[in-house]
């Protein structure tokens, strides 16, 4: 089922309004039909990456600190 460019444009605008993470992502800054017509999965993925980046970083840092603590305590 083919969709027109205008339809995609409308969907993207609606998506940007509902999900601020989408509007922030550089991939969706451009109004190229190829990126716009990517589908919902890409949008969800980008949102997850943006929202989860800080949490992942925190977990990773904590893990590194914890690991170094283990290394120092065990000879």
PDB file of N, CA and C in Angstrom:
ATOM      1  N   UNK A   1       0.849  -1.191   0.000  1.00  0.00           N
ATOM      2  CA  UNK A   1       0.000   0.000   0.000  1.00  0.00           C
ATOM      3  C   UNK A   1       0.892   1.251   0.000  1.00  0.00           C
ATOM      4  N   UNK A   2       0.860   1.966  -1.090  1.00  0.00           N
ATOM      5  CA  UNK A   2       1.706   3.151  -1.215  1.00  0.00           C
ATOM      6  C   UNK A   2       1.056   4.361  -0.575  1.00  0.00           C
ATOM      7  N   UNK A   3       1.892   5.175   0.058  1.00  0.00           N
ATOM      8  CA  UNK A   3       1.369   6.375   0.705  1.00  0.00           C
ATOM      9  C   UNK A   3       2.006   7.613   0.099  1.00  0.00           C
ATOM     10  N   UNK A   4       1.221   8.645  -0.042  1.00  0.00           N
ATOM     11  CA  UNK A   4       1.717   9.878  -0.647  1.00  0.00           C
ATOM     12  C   UNK A   4       2.648  10.612   0.312  1.00  0.00           C
ATOM     13  N   UNK A   5       3.443  11.510  -0.257  1.00  0.00           N
ATOM     14  CA  UNK A   5       4.389  12.276   0.550  1.00  0.00           C
ATOM     15  C   UNK A   5       3.653  13.147   1.565  1.00  0.00           C
ATOM     16  N   UNK A   6       2.520  13.723   1.122  1.00  0.00           N
ATOM     17  CA  UNK A   6       1.757  14.612   2.009  1.00  0.00           C
ATOM     18  C   UNK A   6       1.228  13.848   3.222  1.00  0.00           C
ATOM     19  N   UNK A   7       0.802  12.610   2.987  1.00  0.00           N
ATOM     20  CA  UNK A   7       0.300  11.778   4.082  1.00  0.00           C
ATOM     21  C   UNK A   7       1.405  11.514   5.096  1.00  0.00           C
ATOM     22  N   UNK A   8       2.587  11.178   4.570  1.00  0.00           N
ATOM     23  CA  UNK A   8       3.738  10.940   5.449  1.00  0.00           C
ATOM     24  C   UNK A   8       4.088  12.186   6.245  1.00  0.00           C
ATOM     25  N   UNK A   9       4.015  13.326   5.547  1.00  0.00           N
ATOM     26  CA  UNK A   9       4.335  14.599   6.179  1.00  0.00           C
ATOM     27  C   UNK A   9       3.410  14.845   7.367  1.00  0.00           C
ATOM     28  N   UNK A  10       2.112  14.603   7.147  1.00  0.00           N
ATOM     29  CA  UNK A  10       1.113  14.791   8.207  1.00  0.00           C
ATOM     30  C   UNK A  10       1.400  13.872   9.385  1.00  0.00           C
ATOM     31  N   UNK A  11       1.704  12.605   9.069  1.00  0.00           N
ATOM     32  CA  UNK A  11       1.983  11.636  10.129  1.00  0.00           C
ATOM     33  C   UNK A  11       3.209  12.062  10.941  1.00  0.00           C
ATOM     34  N   UNK A  12       4.239  12.553  10.241  1.00  0.00           N
ATOM     35  CA  UNK A  12       5.462  12.961  10.920  1.00  0.00           C
ATOM     36  C   UNK A  12       5.193  14.126  11.864  1.00  0.00           C
ATOM     37  N   UNK A  13       4.394  15.082  11.393  1.00  0.00           N
ATOM     38  CA  UNK A  13       4.058  16.237  12.220  1.00  0.00           C
ATOM     39  C   UNK A  13       3.312  15.781  13.470  1.00  0.00           C
ATOM     40  N   UNK A  14       2.354  14.870  13.279  1.00  0.00           N
ATOM     41  CA  UNK A  14       1.577  14.335  14.398  1.00  0.00           C
ATOM     42  C   UNK A  14       2.496  13.603  15.373  1.00  0.00           C
ATOM     43  N   UNK A  15       3.440  12.836  14.813  1.00  0.00           N
ATOM     44  CA  UNK A  15       4.384  12.083  15.624  1.00  0.00           C
ATOM     45  C   UNK A  15       5.284  13.007  16.434  1.00  0.00           C
ATOM     46  N   UNK A  16       5.747  14.074  15.774  1.00  0.00           N
ATOM     47  CA  UNK A  16       6.619  15.023  16.455  1.00  0.00           C
ATOM     48  C   UNK A  16       5.905  15.678  17.627  1.00  0.00           C
ATOM     49  N   UNK A  17       4.602  15.946  17.451  1.00  0.00           N
ATOM     50  CA  UNK A  17       3.829  16.574  18.515  1.00  0.00           C
ATOM     51  C   UNK A  17       3.663  15.626  19.699  1.00  0.00           C
ATOM     52  N   UNK A  18       3.377  14.352  19.406  1.00  0.00           N
ATOM     53  CA  UNK A  18       3.117  13.384  20.471  1.00  0.00           C
ATOM     54  C   UNK A  18       4.404  12.916  21.148  1.00  0.00           C
ATOM     55  N   UNK A  19       5.488  12.827  20.371  1.00  0.00           N
ATOM     56  CA  UNK A  19       6.743  12.321  20.921  1.00  0.00           C
ATOM     57  C   UNK A  19       7.871  13.333  20.703  1.00  0.00           C
ATOM     58  N   UNK A  20       8.232  14.092  21.740  1.00  0.00           N
ATOM     59  CA  UNK A  20       9.277  15.110  21.596  1.00  0.00           C
ATOM     60  C   UNK A  20      10.644  14.534  21.235  1.00  0.00           C
ATOM     61  N   UNK A  21      10.866  13.275  21.611  1.00  0.00           N
ATOM     62  CA  UNK A  21      12.142  12.633  21.304  1.00  0.00           C
ATOM     63  C   UNK A  21      12.350  12.506  19.797  1.00  0.00           C
ATOM     64  N   UNK A  22      11.250  12.313  19.073  1.00  0.00           N
ATOM     65  CA  UNK A  22      11.317  12.171  17.619  1.00  0.00           C
ATOM     66  C   UNK A  22      11.777  13.480  16.990  1.00  0.00           C
ATOM     67  N   UNK A  23      11.217  14.589  17.475  1.00  0.00           N
ATOM     68  CA  UNK A  23      11.562  15.903  16.940  1.00  0.00           C
ATOM     69  C   UNK A  23      13.032  16.234  17.211  1.00  0.00           C
ATOM     70  N   UNK A  24      13.549  15.740  18.342  1.00  0.00           N
ATOM     71  CA  UNK A  24      14.934  16.023  18.718  1.00  0.00           C
ATOM     72  C   UNK A  24      15.940  15.244  17.886  1.00  0.00           C
ATOM     73  N   UNK A  25      15.546  14.023  17.475  1.00  0.00           N
ATOM     74  CA  UNK A  25      16.477  13.164  16.763  1.00  0.00           C
ATOM     75  C   UNK A  25      16.887  13.749  15.410  1.00  0.00           C
ATOM     76  N   UNK A  26      18.199  13.831  15.146  1.00  0.00           N
ATOM     77  CA  UNK A  26      18.678  14.451  13.905  1.00  0.00           C
ATOM     78  C   UNK A  26      18.155  13.784  12.642  1.00  0.00           C
ATOM     79  N   UNK A  27      17.873  12.479  12.737  1.00  0.00           N
ATOM     80  CA  UNK A  27      17.368  11.744  11.585  1.00  0.00           C
ATOM     81  C   UNK A  27      16.024  12.292  11.113  1.00  0.00           C
ATOM     82  N   UNK A  28      15.221  12.780  12.059  1.00  0.00           N
ATOM     83  CA  UNK A  28      13.894  13.274  11.730  1.00  0.00           C
ATOM     84  C   UNK A  28      13.849  14.792  11.562  1.00  0.00           C
ATOM     85  N   UNK A  29      15.023  15.429  11.635  1.00  0.00           N
ATOM     86  CA  UNK A  29      15.066  16.868  11.392  1.00  0.00           C
ATOM     87  C   UNK A  29      14.850  17.152   9.911  1.00  0.00           C
ATOM     88  N   UNK A  30      15.385  16.272   9.060  1.00  0.00           N
ATOM     89  CA  UNK A  30      15.227  16.438   7.621  1.00  0.00           C
ATOM     90  C   UNK A  30      13.845  15.961   7.200  1.00  0.00           C
ATOM     91  N   UNK A  31      13.301  16.583   6.161  1.00  0.00           N
ATOM     92  CA  UNK A  31      11.969  16.207   5.693  1.00  0.00           C
ATOM     93  C   UNK A  31      12.050  15.281   4.477  1.00  0.00           C
ATOM     94  N   UNK A  32      13.020  14.387   4.489  1.00  0.00           N
ATOM     95  CA  UNK A  32      13.193  13.467   3.371  1.00  0.00           C
ATOM     96  C   UNK A  32      12.149  12.356   3.458  1.00  0.00           C
ATOM     97  N   UNK A  33      11.527  12.003   2.327  1.00  0.00           N
ATOM     98  CA  UNK A  33      10.509  10.952   2.333  1.00  0.00           C
ATOM     99  C   UNK A  33      11.060   9.610   2.802  1.00  0.00           C
ATOM    100  N   UNK A  34      12.344   9.351   2.497  1.00  0.00           N
ATOM    101  CA  UNK A  34      12.938   8.065   2.860  1.00  0.00           C
ATOM    102  C   UNK A  34      12.976   7.885   4.375  1.00  0.00           C
ATOM    103  N   UNK A  35      13.327   8.956   5.098  1.00  0.00           N
ATOM    104  CA  UNK A  35      13.393   8.847   6.553  1.00  0.00           C
ATOM    105  C   UNK A  35      12.005   8.918   7.175  1.00  0.00           C
ATOM    106  N   UNK A  36      11.131   9.722   6.562  1.00  0.00           N
ATOM    107  CA  UNK A  36       9.787   9.885   7.111  1.00  0.00           C
ATOM    108  C   UNK A  36       9.007   8.575   6.997  1.00  0.00           C
ATOM    109  N   UNK A  37       9.172   7.886   5.881  1.00  0.00           N
ATOM    110  CA  UNK A  37       8.411   6.664   5.646  1.00  0.00           C
ATOM    111  C   UNK A  37       9.021   5.437   6.282  1.00  0.00           C
ATOM    112  N   UNK A  38       9.869   5.634   7.273  1.00  0.00           N
ATOM    113  CA  UNK A  38      10.563   4.503   7.883  1.00  0.00           C
ATOM    114  C   UNK A  38       9.612   3.609   8.676  1.00  0.00           C
ATOM    115  N   UNK A  39       8.613   4.211   9.303  1.00  0.00           N
ATOM    116  CA  UNK A  39       7.664   3.399  10.055  1.00  0.00           C
ATOM    117  C   UNK A  39       7.771   3.620  11.541  1.00  0.00           C
ATOM    118  N   UNK A  40       6.848   3.025  12.272  1.00  0.00           N
ATOM    119  CA  UNK A  40       6.750   3.257  13.710  1.00  0.00           C
ATOM    120  C   UNK A  40       7.922   2.662  14.483  1.00  0.00           C
ATOM    121  N   UNK A  41       8.431   1.529  14.023  1.00  0.00           N
ATOM    122  CA  UNK A  41       9.520   0.856  14.740  1.00  0.00           C
ATOM    123  C   UNK A  41      10.732   1.760  14.906  1.00  0.00           C
ATOM    124  N   UNK A  42      11.103   2.442  13.828  1.00  0.00           N
ATOM    125  CA  UNK A  42      12.242   3.349  13.878  1.00  0.00           C
ATOM    126  C   UNK A  42      12.024   4.469  14.874  1.00  0.00           C
ATOM    127  N   UNK A  43      10.809   4.977  14.888  1.00  0.00           N
ATOM    128  CA  UNK A  43      10.473   6.074  15.798  1.00  0.00           C
ATOM    129  C   UNK A  43      10.586   5.612  17.244  1.00  0.00           C
ATOM    130  N   UNK A  44      10.006   4.444  17.522  1.00  0.00           N
ATOM    131  CA  UNK A  44      10.044   3.896  18.882  1.00  0.00           C
ATOM    132  C   UNK A  44      11.494   3.655  19.294  1.00  0.00           C
ATOM    133  N   UNK A  45      12.275   3.099  18.373  1.00  0.00           N
ATOM    134  CA  UNK A  45      13.679   2.809  18.647  1.00  0.00           C
ATOM    135  C   UNK A  45      14.438   4.083  18.984  1.00  0.00           C
ATOM    136  N   UNK A  46      14.242   5.117  18.161  1.00  0.00           N
ATOM    137  CA  UNK A  46      14.923   6.391  18.404  1.00  0.00           C
ATOM    138  C   UNK A  46      14.516   6.987  19.746  1.00  0.00           C
ATOM    139  N   UNK A  47      13.233   6.913  20.061  1.00  0.00           N
ATOM    140  CA  UNK A  47      12.741   7.417  21.342  1.00  0.00           C
ATOM    141  C   UNK A  47      13.381   6.691  22.507  1.00  0.00           C
ATOM    142  N   UNK A  48      13.462   5.362  22.365  1.00  0.00           N
ATOM    143  CA  UNK A  48      14.071   4.554  23.417  1.00  0.00           C
ATOM    144  C   UNK A  48      15.547   4.893  23.586  1.00  0.00           C
ATOM    145  N   UNK A  49      16.239   5.054  22.461  1.00  0.00           N
ATOM    146  CA  UNK A  49      17.668   5.374  22.517  1.00  0.00           C
ATOM    147  C   UNK A  49      17.876   6.699  23.236  1.00  0.00           C
ATOM    148  N   UNK A  50      17.053   7.700  22.880  1.00  0.00           N
ATOM    149  CA  UNK A  50      17.202   9.026  23.480  1.00  0.00           C
ATOM    150  C   UNK A  50      16.867   9.011  24.966  1.00  0.00           C
ATOM    151  N   UNK A  51      15.752   8.358  25.324  1.00  0.00           N
ATOM    152  CA  UNK A  51      15.326   8.361  26.722  1.00  0.00           C
ATOM    153  C   UNK A  51      16.209   7.446  27.571  1.00  0.00           C
ATOM    154  N   UNK A  52      16.659   6.343  26.983  1.00  0.00           N
ATOM    155  CA  UNK A  52      17.439   5.359  27.736  1.00  0.00           C
ATOM    156  C   UNK A  52      18.929   5.623  27.782  1.00  0.00           C
ATOM    157  N   UNK A  53      19.388   6.629  27.033  1.00  0.00           N
ATOM    158  CA  UNK A  53      20.833   6.889  26.961  1.00  0.00           C
ATOM    159  C   UNK A  53      21.414   7.228  28.330  1.00  0.00           C
ATOM    160  N   UNK A  54      20.760   8.136  29.048  1.00  0.00           N
ATOM    161  CA  UNK A  54      21.254   8.576  30.354  1.00  0.00           C
ATOM    162  C   UNK A  54      21.228   7.422  31.358  1.00  0.00           C
ATOM    163  N   UNK A  55      20.117   6.693  31.369  1.00  0.00           N
ATOM    164  CA  UNK A  55      19.973   5.571  32.294  1.00  0.00           C
ATOM    165  C   UNK A  55      21.055   4.527  32.038  1.00  0.00           C
ATOM    166  N   UNK A  56      21.262   4.201  30.763  1.00  0.00           N
ATOM    167  CA  UNK A  56      22.285   3.226  30.404  1.00  0.00           C
ATOM    168  C   UNK A  56      23.663   3.700  30.839  1.00  0.00           C
ATOM    169  N   UNK A  57      23.920   4.976  30.628  1.00  0.00           N
ATOM    170  CA  UNK A  57      25.207   5.557  31.015  1.00  0.00           C
ATOM    171  C   UNK A  57      25.413   5.428  32.520  1.00  0.00           C
ATOM    172  N   UNK A  58      24.366   5.750  33.280  1.00  0.00           N
ATOM    173  CA  UNK A  58      24.438   5.647  34.739  1.00  0.00           C
ATOM    174  C   UNK A  58      24.723   4.211  35.174  1.00  0.00           C
ATOM    175  N   UNK A  59      23.994   3.272  34.585  1.00  0.00           N
ATOM    176  CA  UNK A  59      24.170   1.859  34.926  1.00  0.00           C
ATOM    177  C   UNK A  59      25.605   1.428  34.610  1.00  0.00           C
ATOM    178  N   UNK A  60      26.071   1.831  33.429  1.00  0.00           N
ATOM    179  CA  UNK A  60      27.409   1.461  32.984  1.00  0.00           C
ATOM    180  C   UNK A  60      28.482   2.007  33.927  1.00  0.00           C
ATOM    181  N   UNK A  61      28.328   3.273  34.296  1.00  0.00           N
ATOM    182  CA  UNK A  61      29.284   3.902  35.214  1.00  0.00           C
ATOM    183  C   UNK A  61      29.285   3.195  36.565  1.00  0.00           C
ATOM    184  N   UNK A  62      28.085   2.913  37.063  1.00  0.00           N
ATOM    185  CA  UNK A  62      27.953   2.215  38.345  1.00  0.00           C
ATOM    186  C   UNK A  62      28.627   0.850  38.274  1.00  0.00           C
ATOM    187  N   UNK A  63      28.416   0.161  37.146  1.00  0.00           N
ATOM    188  CA  UNK A  63      29.012  -1.152  36.949  1.00  0.00           C
ATOM    189  C   UNK A  63      30.537  -1.070  36.964  1.00  0.00           C
ATOM    190  N   UNK A  64      31.072  -0.076  36.286  1.00  0.00           N
ATOM    191  CA  UNK A  64      32.531   0.108  36.238  1.00  0.00           C
ATOM    192  C   UNK A  64      33.083   0.362  37.640  1.00  0.00           C
ATOM    193  N   UNK A  65      32.415   1.240  38.377  1.00  0.00           N
ATOM    194  CA  UNK A  65      32.837   1.555  39.746  1.00  0.00           C
ATOM    195  C   UNK A  65      32.777   0.297  40.617  1.00  0.00           C
ATOM    196  N   UNK A  66      31.654  -0.418  40.524  1.00  0.00           N
ATOM    197  CA  UNK A  66      31.451  -1.644  41.290  1.00  0.00           C
ATOM    198  C   UNK A  66      32.522  -2.680  40.955  1.00  0.00           C
ATOM    199  N   UNK A  67      32.806  -2.824  39.654  1.00  0.00           N
ATOM    200  CA  UNK A  67      33.795  -3.783  39.186  1.00  0.00           C
ATOM    201  C   UNK A  67      35.190  -3.435  39.706  1.00  0.00           C
ATOM    202  N   UNK A  68      35.525  -2.154  39.654  1.00  0.00           N
ATOM    203  CA  UNK A  68      36.842  -1.725  40.145  1.00  0.00           C
ATOM    204  C   UNK A  68      36.951  -1.967  41.654  1.00  0.00           C
ATOM    205  N   UNK A  69      35.836  -1.760  42.368  1.00  0.00           N
ATOM    206  CA  UNK A  69      35.798  -2.032  43.808  1.00  0.00           C
ATOM    207  C   UNK A  69      36.069  -3.515  44.069  1.00  0.00           C
ATOM    208  N   UNK A  70      35.444  -4.370  43.271  1.00  0.00           N
ATOM    209  CA  UNK A  70      35.653  -5.810  43.409  1.00  0.00           C
ATOM    210  C   UNK A  70      37.116  -6.166  43.159  1.00  0.00           C
ATOM    211  N   UNK A  71      37.691  -5.581  42.123  1.00  0.00           N
ATOM    212  CA  UNK A  71      39.075  -5.862  41.760  1.00  0.00           C
ATOM    213  C   UNK A  71      40.037  -5.462  42.882  1.00  0.00           C
ATOM    214  N   UNK A  72      39.727  -4.363  43.569  1.00  0.00           N
ATOM    215  CA  UNK A  72      40.619  -3.891  44.635  1.00  0.00           C
ATOM    216  C   UNK A  72      40.501  -4.759  45.883  1.00  0.00           C
ATOM    217  N   UNK A  73      39.294  -5.238  46.187  1.00  0.00           N
ATOM    218  CA  UNK A  73      39.095  -6.030  47.405  1.00  0.00           C
ATOM    219  C   UNK A  73      39.641  -7.443  47.254  1.00  0.00           C
ATOM    220  N   UNK A  74      39.473  -8.034  46.073  1.00  0.00           N
ATOM    221  CA  UNK A  74      39.944  -9.403  45.856  1.00  0.00           C
ATOM    222  C   UNK A  74      41.373  -9.372  45.299  1.00  0.00           C
ATOM    223  N   UNK A  75      42.307 -10.041  45.981  1.00  0.00           N
ATOM    224  CA  UNK A  75      43.702 -10.041  45.522  1.00  0.00           C
ATOM    225  C   UNK A  75      43.915 -10.923  44.284  1.00  0.00           C
TER     226      UNK A  75
END
